[in-house]
Amino acid sequence: MQIRTISGAVRQLQKDDPDTAVTAAYIRRLVLAGKIPYTRSGNRVLLNMDALRNYLELATYCQTSNIPTKQQTAARIASEK
Protein backbone atom coordinates (compact mmCIF):
# COMPACT_ATOMS: atom_id res chain seq x y z
CA MET A 1 0.00 0.00 0.00
CA GLN A 2 1.36 3.37 -1.02
CA ILE A 3 0.19 6.49 0.80
CA ARG A 4 0.93 9.85 -0.84
CA THR A 5 0.01 13.48 -0.47
CA ILE A 6 -1.79 15.01 -3.42
CA SER A 7 1.43 16.41 -4.88
CA GLY A 8 3.19 13.10 -4.19
CA ALA A 9 0.38 11.25 -5.97
CA VAL A 10 0.77 13.48 -9.02
CA ARG A 11 4.54 12.89 -9.04
CA GLN A 12 3.99 9.12 -8.79
CA LEU A 13 1.45 9.15 -11.64
CA GLN A 14 3.84 11.24 -13.77
CA LYS A 15 6.64 8.79 -13.00
CA ASP A 16 4.43 5.86 -14.05
CA ASP A 17 3.09 7.71 -17.11
CA PRO A 18 5.01 10.83 -18.19
CA ASP A 19 2.13 11.88 -20.47
CA THR A 20 -0.57 11.72 -17.78
CA ALA A 21 -3.20 14.43 -17.83
CA VAL A 22 -4.03 14.03 -14.12
CA THR A 23 -3.28 17.19 -12.15
CA ALA A 24 -3.24 18.11 -8.49
CA ALA A 25 -6.33 20.28 -9.05
CA TYR A 26 -8.22 17.29 -10.50
CA ILE A 27 -7.27 15.10 -7.53
CA ARG A 28 -8.36 17.86 -5.12
CA ARG A 29 -11.75 17.98 -6.86
CA LEU A 30 -12.08 14.20 -6.48
CA VAL A 31 -11.27 14.48 -2.77
CA LEU A 32 -13.72 17.34 -2.19
CA ALA A 33 -16.45 15.47 -4.09
CA GLY A 34 -15.86 12.39 -1.93
CA LYS A 35 -15.05 10.23 -4.95
CA ILE A 36 -11.80 8.89 -3.53
CA PRO A 37 -11.05 7.99 0.08
CA TYR A 38 -8.52 10.08 1.97
CA THR A 39 -7.35 10.87 5.45
CA ARG A 40 -5.90 14.03 6.91
CA SER A 41 -2.67 14.41 8.79
CA GLY A 42 -2.62 17.98 10.00
CA ASN A 43 -3.12 20.07 6.86
CA ARG A 44 -2.06 17.28 4.53
CA VAL A 45 -4.46 15.13 2.58
CA LEU A 46 -3.20 11.56 2.34
CA LEU A 47 -4.33 9.24 -0.43
CA ASN A 48 -4.06 5.53 -0.99
CA MET A 49 -2.52 5.22 -4.47
CA ASP A 50 -4.31 1.92 -5.13
CA ALA A 51 -7.69 3.57 -4.49
CA LEU A 52 -6.76 6.52 -6.73
CA ARG A 53 -5.62 4.25 -9.55
CA ASN A 54 -8.76 2.11 -9.21
CA TYR A 55 -10.96 5.21 -9.43
CA LEU A 56 -9.12 6.48 -12.50
CA GLU A 57 -9.35 3.10 -14.21
CA LEU A 58 -13.06 2.79 -13.46
CA ALA A 59 -13.77 6.37 -14.58
CA THR A 60 -11.92 5.72 -17.82
CA TYR A 61 -13.82 2.47 -18.36
CA CYS A 62 -17.20 4.10 -17.74
CA GLN A 63 -16.47 6.94 -20.15
CA THR A 64 -15.27 4.66 -22.93
CA SER A 65 -18.03 2.09 -22.64
CA ASN A 66 -21.75 2.38 -23.17
CA ILE A 67 -22.48 2.70 -19.46
CA PRO A 68 -24.64 5.82 -19.03
CA THR A 69 -23.35 8.57 -16.75
CA LYS A 70 -25.38 9.88 -13.81
CA GLN A 71 -26.37 12.93 -15.86
CA GLN A 72 -27.53 10.77 -18.78
CA THR A 73 -29.55 8.56 -16.46
CA ALA A 74 -31.12 11.58 -14.73
CA ALA A 75 -32.00 13.14 -18.10
CA ARG A 76 -33.59 9.89 -19.30
CA ILE A 77 -35.64 9.58 -16.12
CA ALA A 78 -36.75 13.21 -16.35
CA SER A 79 -37.82 12.76 -19.98
CA GLU A 80 -39.89 9.69 -19.06
CA LYS A 81 -41.97 11.66 -16.51
PDB file of N, CA and C in Angstrom:
ATOM      1  N   MET A   1       0.851  -1.176   0.000  1.00  0.00           N
ATOM      2  CA  MET A   1       0.000   0.000   0.000  1.00  0.00           C
ATOM      3  C   MET A   1       0.891   1.230   0.000  1.00  0.00           C
ATOM      4  N   GLN A   2       0.608   2.127  -0.922  1.00  0.00           N
ATOM      5  CA  GLN A   2       1.360   3.372  -1.023  1.00  0.00           C
ATOM      6  C   GLN A   2       0.458   4.526  -0.608  1.00  0.00           C
ATOM      7  N   ILE A   3       0.927   5.318   0.338  1.00  0.00           N
ATOM      8  CA  ILE A   3       0.192   6.487   0.797  1.00  0.00           C
ATOM      9  C   ILE A   3       0.968   7.712   0.338  1.00  0.00           C
ATOM     10  N   ARG A   4       0.277   8.647  -0.302  1.00  0.00           N
ATOM     11  CA  ARG A   4       0.927   9.846  -0.841  1.00  0.00           C
ATOM     12  C   ARG A   4       0.076  11.073  -0.540  1.00  0.00           C
ATOM     13  N   THR A   5       0.730  12.214  -0.471  1.00  0.00           N
ATOM     14  CA  THR A   5       0.010  13.482  -0.467  1.00  0.00           C
ATOM     15  C   THR A   5      -0.494  13.709  -1.890  1.00  0.00           C
ATOM     16  N   ILE A   6      -1.280  14.740  -2.079  1.00  0.00           N
ATOM     17  CA  ILE A   6      -1.792  15.012  -3.424  1.00  0.00           C
ATOM     18  C   ILE A   6      -0.637  15.288  -4.386  1.00  0.00           C
ATOM     19  N   SER A   7       0.303  16.118  -3.985  1.00  0.00           N
ATOM     20  CA  SER A   7       1.431  16.407  -4.879  1.00  0.00           C
ATOM     21  C   SER A   7       2.298  15.168  -5.086  1.00  0.00           C
ATOM     22  N   GLY A   8       2.438  14.349  -4.051  1.00  0.00           N
ATOM     23  CA  GLY A   8       3.185  13.101  -4.192  1.00  0.00           C
ATOM     24  C   GLY A   8       2.489  12.131  -5.127  1.00  0.00           C
ATOM     25  N   ALA A   9       1.148  12.118  -5.076  1.00  0.00           N
ATOM     26  CA  ALA A   9       0.380  11.250  -5.968  1.00  0.00           C
ATOM     27  C   ALA A   9       0.566  11.675  -7.424  1.00  0.00           C
ATOM     28  N   VAL A  10       0.560  12.978  -7.660  1.00  0.00           N
ATOM     29  CA  VAL A  10       0.772  13.478  -9.024  1.00  0.00           C
ATOM     30  C   VAL A  10       2.163  13.092  -9.513  1.00  0.00           C
ATOM     31  N   ARG A  11       3.166  13.274  -8.655  1.00  0.00           N
ATOM     32  CA  ARG A  11       4.542  12.891  -9.044  1.00  0.00           C
ATOM     33  C   ARG A  11       4.628  11.409  -9.370  1.00  0.00           C
ATOM     34  N   GLN A  12       3.970  10.570  -8.557  1.00  0.00           N
ATOM     35  CA  GLN A  12       3.990   9.123  -8.789  1.00  0.00           C
ATOM     36  C   GLN A  12       3.300   8.778 -10.109  1.00  0.00           C
ATOM     37  N   LEU A  13       2.150   9.402 -10.376  1.00  0.00           N
ATOM     38  CA  LEU A  13       1.449   9.152 -11.635  1.00  0.00           C
ATOM     39  C   LEU A  13       2.292   9.612 -12.827  1.00  0.00           C
ATOM     40  N   GLN A  14       2.976  10.745 -12.691  1.00  0.00           N
ATOM     41  CA  GLN A  14       3.843  11.237 -13.771  1.00  0.00           C
ATOM     42  C   GLN A  14       5.037  10.319 -13.972  1.00  0.00           C
ATOM     43  N   LYS A  15       5.534   9.735 -12.895  1.00  0.00           N
ATOM     44  CA  LYS A  15       6.644   8.792 -13.000  1.00  0.00           C
ATOM     45  C   LYS A  15       6.192   7.536 -13.740  1.00  0.00           C
ATOM     46  N   ASP A  16       4.980   7.056 -13.403  1.00  0.00           N
ATOM     47  CA  ASP A  16       4.435   5.857 -14.050  1.00  0.00           C
ATOM     48  C   ASP A  16       4.046   6.126 -15.498  1.00  0.00           C
ATOM     49  N   ASP A  17       3.542   7.330 -15.760  1.00  0.00           N
ATOM     50  CA  ASP A  17       3.092   7.709 -17.108  1.00  0.00           C
ATOM     51  C   ASP A  17       3.448   9.176 -17.337  1.00  0.00           C
ATOM     52  N   PRO A  18       4.571   9.439 -17.983  1.00  0.00           N
ATOM     53  CA  PRO A  18       5.012  10.827 -18.186  1.00  0.00           C
ATOM     54  C   PRO A  18       4.006  11.701 -18.939  1.00  0.00           C
ATOM     55  N   ASP A  19       3.109  11.108 -19.700  1.00  0.00           N
ATOM     56  CA  ASP A  19       2.132  11.876 -20.469  1.00  0.00           C
ATOM     57  C   ASP A  19       0.778  11.991 -19.773  1.00  0.00           C
ATOM     58  N   THR A  20       0.715  11.688 -18.485  1.00  0.00           N
ATOM     59  CA  THR A  20      -0.566  11.721 -17.783  1.00  0.00           C
ATOM     60  C   THR A  20      -1.171  13.118 -17.810  1.00  0.00           C
ATOM     61  N   ALA A  21      -2.482  13.161 -17.843  1.00  0.00           N
ATOM     62  CA  ALA A  21      -3.197  14.435 -17.827  1.00  0.00           C
ATOM     63  C   ALA A  21      -3.754  14.730 -16.437  1.00  0.00           C
ATOM     64  N   VAL A  22      -3.520  13.850 -15.481  1.00  0.00           N
ATOM     65  CA  VAL A  22      -4.031  14.030 -14.123  1.00  0.00           C
ATOM     66  C   VAL A  22      -3.221  15.112 -13.421  1.00  0.00           C
ATOM     67  N   THR A  23      -3.932  16.072 -12.846  1.00  0.00           N
ATOM     68  CA  THR A  23      -3.280  17.186 -12.155  1.00  0.00           C
ATOM     69  C   THR A  23      -3.659  17.185 -10.677  1.00  0.00           C
ATOM     70  N   ALA A  24      -2.927  17.980  -9.911  1.00  0.00           N
ATOM     71  CA  ALA A  24      -3.237  18.114  -8.489  1.00  0.00           C
ATOM     72  C   ALA A  24      -4.631  18.715  -8.306  1.00  0.00           C
ATOM     73  N   ALA A  25      -5.003  19.659  -9.145  1.00  0.00           N
ATOM     74  CA  ALA A  25      -6.334  20.276  -9.050  1.00  0.00           C
ATOM     75  C   ALA A  25      -7.432  19.234  -9.271  1.00  0.00           C
ATOM     76  N   TYR A  26      -7.231  18.339 -10.223  1.00  0.00           N
ATOM     77  CA  TYR A  26      -8.216  17.293 -10.496  1.00  0.00           C
ATOM     78  C   TYR A  26      -8.349  16.367  -9.293  1.00  0.00           C
ATOM     79  N   ILE A  27      -7.226  15.978  -8.699  1.00  0.00           N
ATOM     80  CA  ILE A  27      -7.271  15.095  -7.531  1.00  0.00           C
ATOM     81  C   ILE A  27      -7.960  15.807  -6.367  1.00  0.00           C
ATOM     82  N   ARG A  28      -7.685  17.102  -6.187  1.00  0.00           N
ATOM     83  CA  ARG A  28      -8.356  17.857  -5.121  1.00  0.00           C
ATOM     84  C   ARG A  28      -9.870  17.860  -5.327  1.00  0.00           C
ATOM     85  N   ARG A  29     -10.314  18.017  -6.577  1.00  0.00           N
ATOM     86  CA  ARG A  29     -11.754  17.977  -6.865  1.00  0.00           C
ATOM     87  C   ARG A  29     -12.343  16.607  -6.525  1.00  0.00           C
ATOM     88  N   LEU A  30     -11.608  15.543  -6.825  1.00  0.00           N
ATOM     89  CA  LEU A  30     -12.076  14.200  -6.485  1.00  0.00           C
ATOM     90  C   LEU A  30     -12.210  14.040  -4.975  1.00  0.00           C
ATOM     91  N   VAL A  31     -11.243  14.562  -4.234  1.00  0.00           N
ATOM     92  CA  VAL A  31     -11.270  14.476  -2.769  1.00  0.00           C
ATOM     93  C   VAL A  31     -12.460  15.258  -2.221  1.00  0.00           C
ATOM     94  N   LEU A  32     -12.622  16.502  -2.692  1.00  0.00           N
ATOM     95  CA  LEU A  32     -13.717  17.342  -2.194  1.00  0.00           C
ATOM     96  C   LEU A  32     -15.085  16.769  -2.543  1.00  0.00           C
ATOM     97  N   ALA A  33     -15.180  16.082  -3.673  1.00  0.00           N
ATOM     98  CA  ALA A  33     -16.447  15.472  -4.092  1.00  0.00           C
ATOM     99  C   ALA A  33     -16.694  14.138  -3.387  1.00  0.00           C
ATOM    100  N   GLY A  34     -15.711  13.656  -2.634  1.00  0.00           N
ATOM    101  CA  GLY A  34     -15.858  12.387  -1.928  1.00  0.00           C
ATOM    102  C   GLY A  34     -15.761  11.174  -2.838  1.00  0.00           C
ATOM    103  N   LYS A  35     -15.138  11.335  -3.995  1.00  0.00           N
ATOM    104  CA  LYS A  35     -15.054  10.232  -4.948  1.00  0.00           C
ATOM    105  C   LYS A  35     -13.896   9.287  -4.664  1.00  0.00           C
ATOM    106  N   ILE A  36     -12.905   9.761  -3.929  1.00  0.00           N
ATOM    107  CA  ILE A  36     -11.800   8.887  -3.531  1.00  0.00           C
ATOM    108  C   ILE A  36     -11.586   9.028  -2.028  1.00  0.00           C
ATOM    109  N   PRO A  37     -11.262   7.920  -1.366  1.00  0.00           N
ATOM    110  CA  PRO A  37     -11.049   7.989   0.080  1.00  0.00           C
ATOM    111  C   PRO A  37      -9.737   8.694   0.405  1.00  0.00           C
ATOM    112  N   TYR A  38      -9.726   9.376   1.531  1.00  0.00           N
ATOM    113  CA  TYR A  38      -8.525  10.079   1.969  1.00  0.00           C
ATOM    114  C   TYR A  38      -8.549  10.187   3.482  1.00  0.00           C
ATOM    115  N   THR A  39      -7.430  10.566   4.032  1.00  0.00           N
ATOM    116  CA  THR A  39      -7.352  10.875   5.450  1.00  0.00           C
ATOM    117  C   THR A  39      -6.512  12.131   5.590  1.00  0.00           C
ATOM    118  N   ARG A  40      -6.681  12.812   6.671  1.00  0.00           N
ATOM    119  CA  ARG A  40      -5.904  14.033   6.912  1.00  0.00           C
ATOM    120  C   ARG A  40      -4.857  13.772   7.986  1.00  0.00           C
ATOM    121  N   SER A  41      -3.712  14.391   7.785  1.00  0.00           N
ATOM    122  CA  SER A  41      -2.670  14.410   8.788  1.00  0.00           C
ATOM    123  C   SER A  41      -2.258  15.868   8.920  1.00  0.00           C
ATOM    124  N   GLY A  42      -2.819  16.539   9.904  1.00  0.00           N
ATOM    125  CA  GLY A  42      -2.622  17.981  10.000  1.00  0.00           C
ATOM    126  C   GLY A  42      -3.320  18.644   8.816  1.00  0.00           C
ATOM    127  N   ASN A  43      -2.562  19.419   8.040  1.00  0.00           N
ATOM    128  CA  ASN A  43      -3.123  20.070   6.855  1.00  0.00           C
ATOM    129  C   ASN A  43      -2.995  19.215   5.603  1.00  0.00           C
ATOM    130  N   ARG A  44      -2.306  18.117   5.710  1.00  0.00           N
ATOM    131  CA  ARG A  44      -2.059  17.279   4.529  1.00  0.00           C
ATOM    132  C   ARG A  44      -3.192  16.306   4.280  1.00  0.00           C
ATOM    133  N   VAL A  45      -3.492  16.134   3.001  1.00  0.00           N
ATOM    134  CA  VAL A  45      -4.463  15.131   2.576  1.00  0.00           C
ATOM    135  C   VAL A  45      -3.658  13.931   2.103  1.00  0.00           C
ATOM    136  N   LEU A  46      -3.928  12.770   2.687  1.00  0.00           N
ATOM    137  CA  LEU A  46      -3.197  11.558   2.342  1.00  0.00           C
ATOM    138  C   LEU A  46      -4.100  10.616   1.567  1.00  0.00           C
ATOM    139  N   LEU A  47      -3.567  10.109   0.467  1.00  0.00           N
ATOM    140  CA  LEU A  47      -4.325   9.244  -0.432  1.00  0.00           C
ATOM    141  C   LEU A  47      -3.694   7.871  -0.528  1.00  0.00           C
ATOM    142  N   ASN A  48      -4.520   6.871  -0.687  1.00  0.00           N
ATOM    143  CA  ASN A  48      -4.056   5.530  -0.987  1.00  0.00           C
ATOM    144  C   ASN A  48      -3.937   5.457  -2.515  1.00  0.00           C
ATOM    145  N   MET A  49      -2.748   5.228  -3.024  1.00  0.00           N
ATOM    146  CA  MET A  49      -2.523   5.220  -4.469  1.00  0.00           C
ATOM    147  C   MET A  49      -3.315   4.127  -5.168  1.00  0.00           C
ATOM    148  N   ASP A  50      -3.514   2.987  -4.517  1.00  0.00           N
ATOM    149  CA  ASP A  50      -4.307   1.917  -5.131  1.00  0.00           C
ATOM    150  C   ASP A  50      -5.743   2.379  -5.352  1.00  0.00           C
ATOM    151  N   ALA A  51      -6.318   3.071  -4.364  1.00  0.00           N
ATOM    152  CA  ALA A  51      -7.687   3.568  -4.490  1.00  0.00           C
ATOM    153  C   ALA A  51      -7.779   4.621  -5.593  1.00  0.00           C
ATOM    154  N   LEU A  52      -6.778   5.497  -5.676  1.00  0.00           N
ATOM    155  CA  LEU A  52      -6.764   6.519  -6.731  1.00  0.00           C
ATOM    156  C   LEU A  52      -6.671   5.872  -8.103  1.00  0.00           C
ATOM    157  N   ARG A  53      -5.767   4.934  -8.252  1.00  0.00           N
ATOM    158  CA  ARG A  53      -5.623   4.248  -9.553  1.00  0.00           C
ATOM    159  C   ARG A  53      -6.905   3.495  -9.924  1.00  0.00           C
ATOM    160  N   ASN A  54      -7.516   2.827  -8.945  1.00  0.00           N
ATOM    161  CA  ASN A  54      -8.765   2.105  -9.211  1.00  0.00           C
ATOM    162  C   ASN A  54      -9.851   3.065  -9.680  1.00  0.00           C
ATOM    163  N   TYR A  55      -9.960   4.222  -9.019  1.00  0.00           N
ATOM    164  CA  TYR A  55     -10.959   5.205  -9.433  1.00  0.00           C
ATOM    165  C   TYR A  55     -10.696   5.672 -10.862  1.00  0.00           C
ATOM    166  N   LEU A  56      -9.453   5.987 -11.161  1.00  0.00           N
ATOM    167  CA  LEU A  56      -9.120   6.477 -12.501  1.00  0.00           C
ATOM    168  C   LEU A  56      -9.389   5.420 -13.561  1.00  0.00           C
ATOM    169  N   GLU A  57      -9.087   4.178 -13.257  1.00  0.00           N
ATOM    170  CA  GLU A  57      -9.353   3.103 -14.213  1.00  0.00           C
ATOM    171  C   GLU A  57     -10.851   2.919 -14.422  1.00  0.00           C
ATOM    172  N   LEU A  58     -11.618   2.948 -13.346  1.00  0.00           N
ATOM    173  CA  LEU A  58     -13.063   2.790 -13.458  1.00  0.00           C
ATOM    174  C   LEU A  58     -13.681   3.973 -14.203  1.00  0.00           C
ATOM    175  N   ALA A  59     -13.246   5.182 -13.897  1.00  0.00           N
ATOM    176  CA  ALA A  59     -13.771   6.372 -14.576  1.00  0.00           C
ATOM    177  C   ALA A  59     -13.469   6.305 -16.064  1.00  0.00           C
ATOM    178  N   THR A  60     -12.288   5.852 -16.414  1.00  0.00           N
ATOM    179  CA  THR A  60     -11.924   5.724 -17.822  1.00  0.00           C
ATOM    180  C   THR A  60     -12.777   4.663 -18.487  1.00  0.00           C
ATOM    181  N   TYR A  61     -13.002   3.549 -17.807  1.00  0.00           N
ATOM    182  CA  TYR A  61     -13.818   2.470 -18.359  1.00  0.00           C
ATOM    183  C   TYR A  61     -15.246   2.956 -18.606  1.00  0.00           C
ATOM    184  N   CYS A  62     -15.818   3.636 -17.616  1.00  0.00           N
ATOM    185  CA  CYS A  62     -17.203   4.100 -17.744  1.00  0.00           C
ATOM    186  C   CYS A  62     -17.362   5.100 -18.881  1.00  0.00           C
ATOM    187  N   GLN A  63     -16.372   5.929 -19.100  1.00  0.00           N
ATOM    188  CA  GLN A  63     -16.475   6.939 -20.151  1.00  0.00           C
ATOM    189  C   GLN A  63     -16.251   6.352 -21.532  1.00  0.00           C
ATOM    190  N   THR A  64     -15.541   5.239 -21.620  1.00  0.00           N
ATOM    191  CA  THR A  64     -15.265   4.662 -22.931  1.00  0.00           C
ATOM    192  C   THR A  64     -16.235   3.546 -23.290  1.00  0.00           C
ATOM    193  N   SER A  65     -17.067   3.138 -22.348  1.00  0.00           N
ATOM    194  CA  SER A  65     -18.034   2.087 -22.636  1.00  0.00           C
ATOM    195  C   SER A  65     -19.411   2.709 -22.816  1.00  0.00           C
ATOM    196  N   ASN A  66     -20.398   1.891 -22.984  1.00  0.00           N
ATOM    197  CA  ASN A  66     -21.750   2.380 -23.174  1.00  0.00           C
ATOM    198  C   ASN A  66     -22.518   2.500 -21.864  1.00  0.00           C
ATOM    199  N   ILE A  67     -21.828   2.540 -20.750  1.00  0.00           N
ATOM    200  CA  ILE A  67     -22.481   2.704 -19.457  1.00  0.00           C
ATOM    201  C   ILE A  67     -22.907   4.165 -19.338  1.00  0.00           C
ATOM    202  N   PRO A  68     -24.193   4.426 -19.110  1.00  0.00           N
ATOM    203  CA  PRO A  68     -24.638   5.820 -19.026  1.00  0.00           C
ATOM    204  C   PRO A  68     -24.093   6.495 -17.773  1.00  0.00           C
ATOM    205  N   THR A  69     -23.808   7.781 -17.891  1.00  0.00           N
ATOM    206  CA  THR A  69     -23.348   8.566 -16.746  1.00  0.00           C
ATOM    207  C   THR A  69     -24.550   8.918 -15.878  1.00  0.00           C
ATOM    208  N   LYS A  70     -24.296   9.469 -14.697  1.00  0.00           N
ATOM    209  CA  LYS A  70     -25.380   9.879 -13.811  1.00  0.00           C
ATOM    210  C   LYS A  70     -26.251  10.940 -14.483  1.00  0.00           C
ATOM    211  N   GLN A  71     -25.618  11.871 -15.193  1.00  0.00           N
ATOM    212  CA  GLN A  71     -26.366  12.927 -15.864  1.00  0.00           C
ATOM    213  C   GLN A  71     -27.250  12.346 -16.964  1.00  0.00           C
ATOM    214  N   GLN A  72     -26.733  11.388 -17.724  1.00  0.00           N
ATOM    215  CA  GLN A  72     -27.528  10.774 -18.783  1.00  0.00           C
ATOM    216  C   GLN A  72     -28.700  10.011 -18.199  1.00  0.00           C
ATOM    217  N   THR A  73     -28.476   9.312 -17.106  1.00  0.00           N
ATOM    218  CA  THR A  73     -29.549   8.561 -16.460  1.00  0.00           C
ATOM    219  C   THR A  73     -30.611   9.511 -15.918  1.00  0.00           C
ATOM    220  N   ALA A  74     -30.181  10.603 -15.272  1.00  0.00           N
ATOM    221  CA  ALA A  74     -31.118  11.578 -14.731  1.00  0.00           C
ATOM    222  C   ALA A  74     -31.936  12.222 -15.851  1.00  0.00           C
ATOM    223  N   ALA A  75     -31.293  12.536 -16.969  1.00  0.00           N
ATOM    224  CA  ALA A  75     -32.001  13.144 -18.102  1.00  0.00           C
ATOM    225  C   ALA A  75     -33.019  12.166 -18.688  1.00  0.00           C
ATOM    226  N   ARG A  76     -32.653  10.900 -18.766  1.00  0.00           N
ATOM    227  CA  ARG A  76     -33.586   9.887 -19.298  1.00  0.00           C
ATOM    228  C   ARG A  76     -34.780   9.741 -18.387  1.00  0.00           C
ATOM    229  N   ILE A  77     -34.551   9.714 -17.077  1.00  0.00           N
ATOM    230  CA  ILE A  77     -35.645   9.584 -16.115  1.00  0.00           C
ATOM    231  C   ILE A  77     -36.558  10.797 -16.179  1.00  0.00           C
ATOM    232  N   ALA A  78     -35.963  11.983 -16.278  1.00  0.00           N
ATOM    233  CA  ALA A  78     -36.753  13.214 -16.353  1.00  0.00           C
ATOM    234  C   ALA A  78     -37.602  13.252 -17.618  1.00  0.00           C
ATOM    235  N   SER A  79     -37.070  12.738 -18.717  1.00  0.00           N
ATOM    236  CA  SER A  79     -37.820  12.756 -19.980  1.00  0.00           C
ATOM    237  C   SER A  79     -38.958  11.728 -19.986  1.00  0.00           C
ATOM    238  N   GLU A  80     -38.849  10.715 -19.135  1.00  0.00           N
ATOM    239  CA  GLU A  80     -39.889   9.693 -19.056  1.00  0.00           C
ATOM    240  C   GLU A  80     -41.067  10.133 -18.198  1.00  0.00           C
ATOM    241  N   LYS A  81     -40.886  11.195 -17.417  1.00  0.00           N
ATOM    242  CA  LYS A  81     -41.971  11.657 -16.508  1.00  0.00           C
ATOM    243  C   LYS A  81     -43.012  12.422 -17.255  1.00  0.00           C
TER     244      LYS A  81
END
